[in-house]
Amino acid sequence: MDIKETVIMCCREIIEKSRGNIEVDMDTAISRDKGIDSLGIVNLVLELEDKFGVELDNYLADIRKCETIRDLVDVMTGIVEKK
């Protein structure tokens, strides 16, 4: 599974836990449209750390700036490629 697919899958899981089955794509807003709350963001970060085997503490500011899943994919691509 590639970075894009993994990030979308993780976001979908978090969104479905709080909002039910909702369409999720690259342009889905992470918090505005679909409502990933602050606890959901924490769970998303933990899930991404687990899936990619990286520590994201130093990147939390970048992750919080992400408005869409596309933005998050871009951030995670940069992080994963550095490791």
PDB file of N, CA and C in Angstrom:
ATOM      1  N   MET A   1       0.853  -1.183   0.000  1.00  0.00           N
ATOM      2  CA  MET A   1       0.000   0.000   0.000  1.00  0.00           C
ATOM      3  C   MET A   1       0.897   1.245   0.000  1.00  0.00           C
ATOM      4  N   ASP A   2       0.566   2.204  -0.835  1.00  0.00           N
ATOM      5  CA  ASP A   2       1.403   3.399  -0.916  1.00  0.00           C
ATOM      6  C   ASP A   2       0.973   4.465   0.097  1.00  0.00           C
ATOM      7  N   ILE A   3       1.707   5.542   0.141  1.00  0.00           N
ATOM      8  CA  ILE A   3       1.457   6.597   1.127  1.00  0.00           C
ATOM      9  C   ILE A   3       0.060   7.179   0.964  1.00  0.00           C
ATOM     10  N   LYS A   4      -0.307   7.514  -0.250  1.00  0.00           N
ATOM     11  CA  LYS A   4      -1.628   8.099  -0.511  1.00  0.00           C
ATOM     12  C   LYS A   4      -2.740   7.175  -0.026  1.00  0.00           C
ATOM     13  N   GLU A   5      -2.696   5.922  -0.425  1.00  0.00           N
ATOM     14  CA  GLU A   5      -3.730   4.963  -0.020  1.00  0.00           C
ATOM     15  C   GLU A   5      -3.786   4.791   1.489  1.00  0.00           C
ATOM     16  N   THR A   6      -2.622   4.746   2.111  1.00  0.00           N
ATOM     17  CA  THR A   6      -2.564   4.556   3.562  1.00  0.00           C
ATOM     18  C   THR A   6      -3.147   5.754   4.304  1.00  0.00           C
ATOM     19  N   VAL A   7      -2.806   6.972   3.880  1.00  0.00           N
ATOM     20  CA  VAL A   7      -3.339   8.176   4.526  1.00  0.00           C
ATOM     21  C   VAL A   7      -4.848   8.242   4.347  1.00  0.00           C
ATOM     22  N   ILE A   8      -5.339   7.980   3.141  1.00  0.00           N
ATOM     23  CA  ILE A   8      -6.787   7.998   2.910  1.00  0.00           C
ATOM     24  C   ILE A   8      -7.481   6.958   3.772  1.00  0.00           C
ATOM     25  N   MET A   9      -6.916   5.760   3.854  1.00  0.00           N
ATOM     26  CA  MET A   9      -7.508   4.704   4.662  1.00  0.00           C
ATOM     27  C   MET A   9      -7.574   5.111   6.136  1.00  0.00           C
ATOM     28  N   CYS A  10      -6.494   5.681   6.652  1.00  0.00           N
ATOM     29  CA  CYS A  10      -6.472   6.106   8.055  1.00  0.00           C
ATOM     30  C   CYS A  10      -7.499   7.207   8.312  1.00  0.00           C
ATOM     31  N   CYS A  11      -7.569   8.173   7.407  1.00  0.00           N
ATOM     32  CA  CYS A  11      -8.554   9.257   7.558  1.00  0.00           C
ATOM     33  C   CYS A  11      -9.975   8.703   7.504  1.00  0.00           C
ATOM     34  N   ARG A  12     -10.217   7.797   6.568  1.00  0.00           N
ATOM     35  CA  ARG A  12     -11.547   7.195   6.425  1.00  0.00           C
ATOM     36  C   ARG A  12     -11.956   6.487   7.721  1.00  0.00           C
ATOM     37  N   GLU A  13     -11.023   5.736   8.306  1.00  0.00           N
ATOM     38  CA  GLU A  13     -11.323   5.013   9.551  1.00  0.00           C
ATOM     39  C   GLU A  13     -11.700   5.980  10.676  1.00  0.00           C
ATOM     40  N   ILE A  14     -10.955   7.063  10.806  1.00  0.00           N
ATOM     41  CA  ILE A  14     -11.228   8.041  11.867  1.00  0.00           C
ATOM     42  C   ILE A  14     -12.570   8.724  11.620  1.00  0.00           C
ATOM     43  N   ILE A  15     -12.826   9.112  10.383  1.00  0.00           N
ATOM     44  CA  ILE A  15     -14.086   9.788  10.045  1.00  0.00           C
ATOM     45  C   ILE A  15     -15.268   8.856  10.270  1.00  0.00           C
ATOM     46  N   GLU A  16     -15.146   7.608   9.862  1.00  0.00           N
ATOM     47  CA  GLU A  16     -16.250   6.662  10.024  1.00  0.00           C
ATOM     48  C   GLU A  16     -16.568   6.401  11.489  1.00  0.00           C
ATOM     49  N   LYS A  17     -15.554   6.428  12.340  1.00  0.00           N
ATOM     50  CA  LYS A  17     -15.792   6.229  13.773  1.00  0.00           C
ATOM     51  C   LYS A  17     -16.652   7.343  14.358  1.00  0.00           C
ATOM     52  N   SER A  18     -16.470   8.570  13.861  1.00  0.00           N
ATOM     53  CA  SER A  18     -17.208   9.691  14.443  1.00  0.00           C
ATOM     54  C   SER A  18     -18.437  10.095  13.632  1.00  0.00           C
ATOM     55  N   ARG A  19     -18.424   9.880  12.325  1.00  0.00           N
ATOM     56  CA  ARG A  19     -19.503  10.379  11.466  1.00  0.00           C
ATOM     57  C   ARG A  19     -20.240   9.323  10.673  1.00  0.00           C
ATOM     58  N   GLY A  20     -19.785   8.083  10.738  1.00  0.00           N
ATOM     59  CA  GLY A  20     -20.415   7.045   9.923  1.00  0.00           C
ATOM     60  C   GLY A  20     -19.769   6.967   8.548  1.00  0.00           C
ATOM     61  N   ASN A  21     -20.416   6.260   7.660  1.00  0.00           N
ATOM     62  CA  ASN A  21     -19.876   6.024   6.325  1.00  0.00           C
ATOM     63  C   ASN A  21     -20.068   7.253   5.446  1.00  0.00           C
ATOM     64  N   ILE A  22     -18.994   8.005   5.232  1.00  0.00           N
ATOM     65  CA  ILE A  22     -19.016   9.235   4.444  1.00  0.00           C
ATOM     66  C   ILE A  22     -17.952   9.122   3.353  1.00  0.00           C
ATOM     67  N   GLU A  23     -18.255   9.631   2.181  1.00  0.00           N
ATOM     68  CA  GLU A  23     -17.288   9.622   1.073  1.00  0.00           C
ATOM     69  C   GLU A  23     -16.057  10.440   1.454  1.00  0.00           C
ATOM     70  N   VAL A  24     -14.897   9.852   1.245  1.00  0.00           N
ATOM     71  CA  VAL A  24     -13.628  10.503   1.564  1.00  0.00           C
ATOM     72  C   VAL A  24     -12.746  10.441   0.327  1.00  0.00           C
ATOM     73  N   ASP A  25     -12.208  11.600  -0.086  1.00  0.00           N
ATOM     74  CA  ASP A  25     -11.277  11.633  -1.208  1.00  0.00           C
ATOM     75  C   ASP A  25     -10.154  12.612  -0.890  1.00  0.00           C
ATOM     76  N   MET A  26      -9.279  12.849  -1.847  1.00  0.00           N
ATOM     77  CA  MET A  26      -8.103  13.690  -1.626  1.00  0.00           C
ATOM     78  C   MET A  26      -8.454  15.130  -1.261  1.00  0.00           C
ATOM     79  N   ASP A  27      -9.611  15.602  -1.694  1.00  0.00           N
ATOM     80  CA  ASP A  27      -9.994  16.982  -1.421  1.00  0.00           C
ATOM     81  C   ASP A  27     -10.911  17.136  -0.207  1.00  0.00           C
ATOM     82  N   THR A  28     -11.122  16.055   0.519  1.00  0.00           N
ATOM     83  CA  THR A  28     -11.919  16.123   1.734  1.00  0.00           C
ATOM     84  C   THR A  28     -11.189  16.971   2.767  1.00  0.00           C
ATOM     85  N   ALA A  29     -11.895  17.958   3.302  1.00  0.00           N
ATOM     86  CA  ALA A  29     -11.314  18.770   4.374  1.00  0.00           C
ATOM     87  C   ALA A  29     -11.220  17.912   5.626  1.00  0.00           C
ATOM     88  N   ILE A  30     -10.104  17.991   6.273  1.00  0.00           N
ATOM     89  CA  ILE A  30      -9.863  17.115   7.416  1.00  0.00           C
ATOM     90  C   ILE A  30     -10.779  17.448   8.588  1.00  0.00           C
ATOM     91  N   SER A  31     -10.958  18.720   8.892  1.00  0.00           N
ATOM     92  CA  SER A  31     -11.791  19.024  10.058  1.00  0.00           C
ATOM     93  C   SER A  31     -13.093  19.743   9.722  1.00  0.00           C
ATOM     94  N   ARG A  32     -13.092  20.605   8.733  1.00  0.00           N
ATOM     95  CA  ARG A  32     -14.302  21.382   8.463  1.00  0.00           C
ATOM     96  C   ARG A  32     -15.451  20.536   7.927  1.00  0.00           C
ATOM     97  N   ASP A  33     -15.238  19.864   6.805  1.00  0.00           N
ATOM     98  CA  ASP A  33     -16.315  19.130   6.144  1.00  0.00           C
ATOM     99  C   ASP A  33     -16.763  17.896   6.907  1.00  0.00           C
ATOM    100  N   LYS A  34     -15.817  17.095   7.273  1.00  0.00           N
ATOM    101  CA  LYS A  34     -16.153  15.776   7.794  1.00  0.00           C
ATOM    102  C   LYS A  34     -16.029  15.650   9.298  1.00  0.00           C
ATOM    103  N   GLY A  35     -15.432  16.644   9.920  1.00  0.00           N
ATOM    104  CA  GLY A  35     -15.452  16.687  11.370  1.00  0.00           C
ATOM    105  C   GLY A  35     -14.517  15.758  12.097  1.00  0.00           C
ATOM    106  N   ILE A  36     -13.248  15.743  11.740  1.00  0.00           N
ATOM    107  CA  ILE A  36     -12.289  15.053  12.588  1.00  0.00           C
ATOM    108  C   ILE A  36     -11.963  16.020  13.714  1.00  0.00           C
ATOM    109  N   ASP A  37     -12.428  15.706  14.911  1.00  0.00           N
ATOM    110  CA  ASP A  37     -12.197  16.591  16.045  1.00  0.00           C
ATOM    111  C   ASP A  37     -10.780  16.418  16.574  1.00  0.00           C
ATOM    112  N   SER A  38     -10.459  17.134  17.639  1.00  0.00           N
ATOM    113  CA  SER A  38      -9.084  17.105  18.152  1.00  0.00           C
ATOM    114  C   SER A  38      -8.676  15.710  18.615  1.00  0.00           C
ATOM    115  N   LEU A  39      -9.588  14.968  19.205  1.00  0.00           N
ATOM    116  CA  LEU A  39      -9.284  13.594  19.609  1.00  0.00           C
ATOM    117  C   LEU A  39      -9.068  12.725  18.369  1.00  0.00           C
ATOM    118  N   GLY A  40      -9.851  12.964  17.342  1.00  0.00           N
ATOM    119  CA  GLY A  40      -9.681  12.238  16.089  1.00  0.00           C
ATOM    120  C   GLY A  40      -8.333  12.506  15.460  1.00  0.00           C
ATOM    121  N   ILE A  41      -7.872  13.761  15.545  1.00  0.00           N
ATOM    122  CA  ILE A  41      -6.550  14.107  15.001  1.00  0.00           C
ATOM    123  C   ILE A  41      -5.456  13.352  15.767  1.00  0.00           C
ATOM    124  N   VAL A  42      -5.598  13.279  17.089  1.00  0.00           N
ATOM    125  CA  VAL A  42      -4.627  12.524  17.896  1.00  0.00           C
ATOM    126  C   VAL A  42      -4.626  11.060  17.458  1.00  0.00           C
ATOM    127  N   ASN A  43      -5.811  10.486  17.300  1.00  0.00           N
ATOM    128  CA  ASN A  43      -5.900   9.095  16.861  1.00  0.00           C
ATOM    129  C   ASN A  43      -5.331   8.911  15.462  1.00  0.00           C
ATOM    130  N   LEU A  44      -5.565   9.883  14.592  1.00  0.00           N
ATOM    131  CA  LEU A  44      -5.023   9.829  13.237  1.00  0.00           C
ATOM    132  C   LEU A  44      -3.502   9.846  13.266  1.00  0.00           C
ATOM    133  N   VAL A  45      -2.925  10.726  14.071  1.00  0.00           N
ATOM    134  CA  VAL A  45      -1.462  10.805  14.179  1.00  0.00           C
ATOM    135  C   VAL A  45      -0.900   9.483  14.701  1.00  0.00           C
ATOM    136  N   LEU A  46      -1.539   8.918  15.710  1.00  0.00           N
ATOM    137  CA  LEU A  46      -1.070   7.639  16.253  1.00  0.00           C
ATOM    138  C   LEU A  46      -1.153   6.530  15.208  1.00  0.00           C
ATOM    139  N   GLU A  47      -2.230   6.527  14.451  1.00  0.00           N
ATOM    140  CA  GLU A  47      -2.403   5.527  13.396  1.00  0.00           C
ATOM    141  C   GLU A  47      -1.343   5.690  12.299  1.00  0.00           C
ATOM    142  N   LEU A  48      -1.086   6.934  11.905  1.00  0.00           N
ATOM    143  CA  LEU A  48      -0.066   7.188  10.885  1.00  0.00           C
ATOM    144  C   LEU A  48       1.318   6.782  11.380  1.00  0.00           C
ATOM    145  N   GLU A  49       1.606   7.066  12.644  1.00  0.00           N
ATOM    146  CA  GLU A  49       2.893   6.644  13.216  1.00  0.00           C
ATOM    147  C   GLU A  49       3.044   5.132  13.132  1.00  0.00           C
ATOM    148  N   ASP A  50       1.971   4.433  13.472  1.00  0.00           N
ATOM    149  CA  ASP A  50       1.989   2.977  13.455  1.00  0.00           C
ATOM    150  C   ASP A  50       2.145   2.435  12.033  1.00  0.00           C
ATOM    151  N   LYS A  51       1.381   2.971  11.105  1.00  0.00           N
ATOM    152  CA  LYS A  51       1.408   2.474   9.723  1.00  0.00           C
ATOM    153  C   LYS A  51       2.747   2.728   9.032  1.00  0.00           C
ATOM    154  N   PHE A  52       3.341   3.878   9.296  1.00  0.00           N
ATOM    155  CA  PHE A  52       4.571   4.246   8.605  1.00  0.00           C
ATOM    156  C   PHE A  52       5.836   4.006   9.428  1.00  0.00           C
ATOM    157  N   GLY A  53       5.687   3.661  10.701  1.00  0.00           N
ATOM    158  CA  GLY A  53       6.849   3.406  11.542  1.00  0.00           C
ATOM    159  C   GLY A  53       7.705   4.636  11.763  1.00  0.00           C
ATOM    160  N   VAL A  54       7.054   5.790  11.906  1.00  0.00           N
ATOM    161  CA  VAL A  54       7.772   7.047  12.124  1.00  0.00           C
ATOM    162  C   VAL A  54       7.237   7.745  13.371  1.00  0.00           C
ATOM    163  N   GLU A  55       8.069   8.567  13.944  1.00  0.00           N
ATOM    164  CA  GLU A  55       7.693   9.409  15.080  1.00  0.00           C
ATOM    165  C   GLU A  55       7.280  10.766  14.522  1.00  0.00           C
ATOM    166  N   LEU A  56       6.062  11.204  14.815  1.00  0.00           N
ATOM    167  CA  LEU A  56       5.540  12.433  14.220  1.00  0.00           C
ATOM    168  C   LEU A  56       5.542  13.638  15.157  1.00  0.00           C
ATOM    169  N   ASP A  57       6.104  13.494  16.355  1.00  0.00           N
ATOM    170  CA  ASP A  57       6.104  14.601  17.319  1.00  0.00           C
ATOM    171  C   ASP A  57       6.687  15.886  16.734  1.00  0.00           C
ATOM    172  N   ASN A  58       7.736  15.793  15.967  1.00  0.00           N
ATOM    173  CA  ASN A  58       8.384  16.979  15.410  1.00  0.00           C
ATOM    174  C   ASN A  58       7.630  17.565  14.220  1.00  0.00           C
ATOM    175  N   TYR A  59       6.590  16.880  13.784  1.00  0.00           N
ATOM    176  CA  TYR A  59       5.845  17.313  12.599  1.00  0.00           C
ATOM    177  C   TYR A  59       4.401  17.708  12.906  1.00  0.00           C
ATOM    178  N   LEU A  60       4.037  17.758  14.176  1.00  0.00           N
ATOM    179  CA  LEU A  60       2.648  18.041  14.546  1.00  0.00           C
ATOM    180  C   LEU A  60       2.169  19.396  14.033  1.00  0.00           C
ATOM    181  N   ALA A  61       3.023  20.401  14.047  1.00  0.00           N
ATOM    182  CA  ALA A  61       2.631  21.719  13.545  1.00  0.00           C
ATOM    183  C   ALA A  61       2.294  21.637  12.060  1.00  0.00           C
ATOM    184  N   ASP A  62       3.091  20.890  11.302  1.00  0.00           N
ATOM    185  CA  ASP A  62       2.823  20.715   9.875  1.00  0.00           C
ATOM    186  C   ASP A  62       1.523  19.951   9.651  1.00  0.00           C
ATOM    187  N   ILE A  63       1.288  18.936  10.450  1.00  0.00           N
ATOM    188  CA  ILE A  63       0.069  18.138  10.318  1.00  0.00           C
ATOM    189  C   ILE A  63      -1.153  18.978  10.658  1.00  0.00           C
ATOM    190  N   ARG A  64      -1.057  19.796  11.694  1.00  0.00           N
ATOM    191  CA  ARG A  64      -2.203  20.649  12.079  1.00  0.00           C
ATOM    192  C   ARG A  64      -2.545  21.682  11.012  1.00  0.00           C
ATOM    193  N   LYS A  65      -1.571  22.074  10.203  1.00  0.00           N
ATOM    194  CA  LYS A  65      -1.812  23.045   9.138  1.00  0.00           C
ATOM    195  C   LYS A  65      -2.546  22.431   7.938  1.00  0.00           C
ATOM    196  N   CYS A  66      -2.580  21.120   7.861  1.00  0.00           N
ATOM    197  CA  CYS A  66      -3.206  20.448   6.722  1.00  0.00           C
ATOM    198  C   CYS A  66      -4.705  20.707   6.719  1.00  0.00           C
ATOM    199  N   GLU A  67      -5.192  21.190   5.607  1.00  0.00           N
ATOM    200  CA  GLU A  67      -6.624  21.451   5.473  1.00  0.00           C
ATOM    201  C   GLU A  67      -7.353  20.304   4.790  1.00  0.00           C
ATOM    202  N   THR A  68      -6.678  19.619   3.881  1.00  0.00           N
ATOM    203  CA  THR A  68      -7.300  18.510   3.157  1.00  0.00           C
ATOM    204  C   THR A  68      -6.458  17.257   3.300  1.00  0.00           C
ATOM    205  N   ILE A  69      -7.048  16.157   2.892  1.00  0.00           N
ATOM    206  CA  ILE A  69      -6.302  14.907   2.896  1.00  0.00           C
ATOM    207  C   ILE A  69      -5.124  15.013   1.938  1.00  0.00           C
ATOM    208  N   ARG A  70      -5.282  15.730   0.841  1.00  0.00           N
ATOM    209  CA  ARG A  70      -4.182  15.942  -0.114  1.00  0.00           C
ATOM    210  C   ARG A  70      -2.991  16.608   0.591  1.00  0.00           C
ATOM    211  N   ASP A  71      -3.272  17.617   1.419  1.00  0.00           N
ATOM    212  CA  ASP A  71      -2.203  18.286   2.176  1.00  0.00           C
ATOM    213  C   ASP A  71      -1.499  17.297   3.100  1.00  0.00           C
ATOM    214  N   LEU A  72      -2.288  16.459   3.754  1.00  0.00           N
ATOM    215  CA  LEU A  72      -1.721  15.475   4.676  1.00  0.00           C
ATOM    216  C   LEU A  72      -0.873  14.450   3.927  1.00  0.00           C
ATOM    217  N   VAL A  73      -1.330  14.029   2.756  1.00  0.00           N
ATOM    218  CA  VAL A  73      -0.545  13.110   1.933  1.00  0.00           C
ATOM    219  C   VAL A  73       0.801  13.743   1.588  1.00  0.00           C
ATOM    220  N   ASP A  74       0.788  15.016   1.216  1.00  0.00           N
ATOM    221  CA  ASP A  74       2.029  15.722   0.876  1.00  0.00           C
ATOM    222  C   ASP A  74       2.987  15.773   2.066  1.00  0.00           C
ATOM    223  N   VAL A  75       2.458  16.087   3.249  1.00  0.00           N
ATOM    224  CA  VAL A  75       3.290  16.155   4.458  1.00  0.00           C
ATOM    225  C   VAL A  75       3.862  14.774   4.776  1.00  0.00           C
ATOM    226  N   MET A  76       2.993  13.763   4.742  1.00  0.00           N
ATOM    227  CA  MET A  76       3.449  12.413   5.080  1.00  0.00           C
ATOM    228  C   MET A  76       4.456  11.892   4.051  1.00  0.00           C
ATOM    229  N   THR A  77       4.287  12.241   2.799  1.00  0.00           N
ATOM    230  CA  THR A  77       5.244  11.831   1.768  1.00  0.00           C
ATOM    231  C   THR A  77       6.625  12.406   2.101  1.00  0.00           C
ATOM    232  N   GLY A  78       6.677  13.676   2.460  1.00  0.00           N
ATOM    233  CA  GLY A  78       7.940  14.300   2.834  1.00  0.00           C
ATOM    234  C   GLY A  78       8.574  13.639   4.050  1.00  0.00           C
ATOM    235  N   ILE A  79       7.758  13.282   5.023  1.00  0.00           N
ATOM    236  CA  ILE A  79       8.264  12.661   6.248  1.00  0.00           C
ATOM    237  C   ILE A  79       8.784  11.256   5.971  1.00  0.00           C
ATOM    238  N   VAL A  80       8.000  10.483   5.267  1.00  0.00           N
ATOM    239  CA  VAL A  80       8.365   9.079   5.004  1.00  0.00           C
ATOM    240  C   VAL A  80       9.605   9.012   4.120  1.00  0.00           C
ATOM    241  N   GLU A  81       9.725   9.914   3.171  1.00  0.00           N
ATOM    242  CA  GLU A  81      10.883   9.892   2.283  1.00  0.00           C
ATOM    243  C   GLU A  81      12.171  10.277   3.003  1.00  0.00           C
ATOM    244  N   LYS A  82      12.063  11.002   4.122  1.00  0.00           N
ATOM    245  CA  LYS A  82      13.245  11.380   4.908  1.00  0.00           C
ATOM    246  C   LYS A  82      13.788  10.223   5.733  1.00  0.00           C
ATOM    247  N   LYS A  83      12.918   9.278   6.079  1.00  0.00           N
ATOM    248  CA  LYS A  83      13.350   8.211   7.003  1.00  0.00           C
ATOM    249  C   LYS A  83      14.233   7.191   6.393  1.00  0.00           C
TER     250      LYS A  83
END
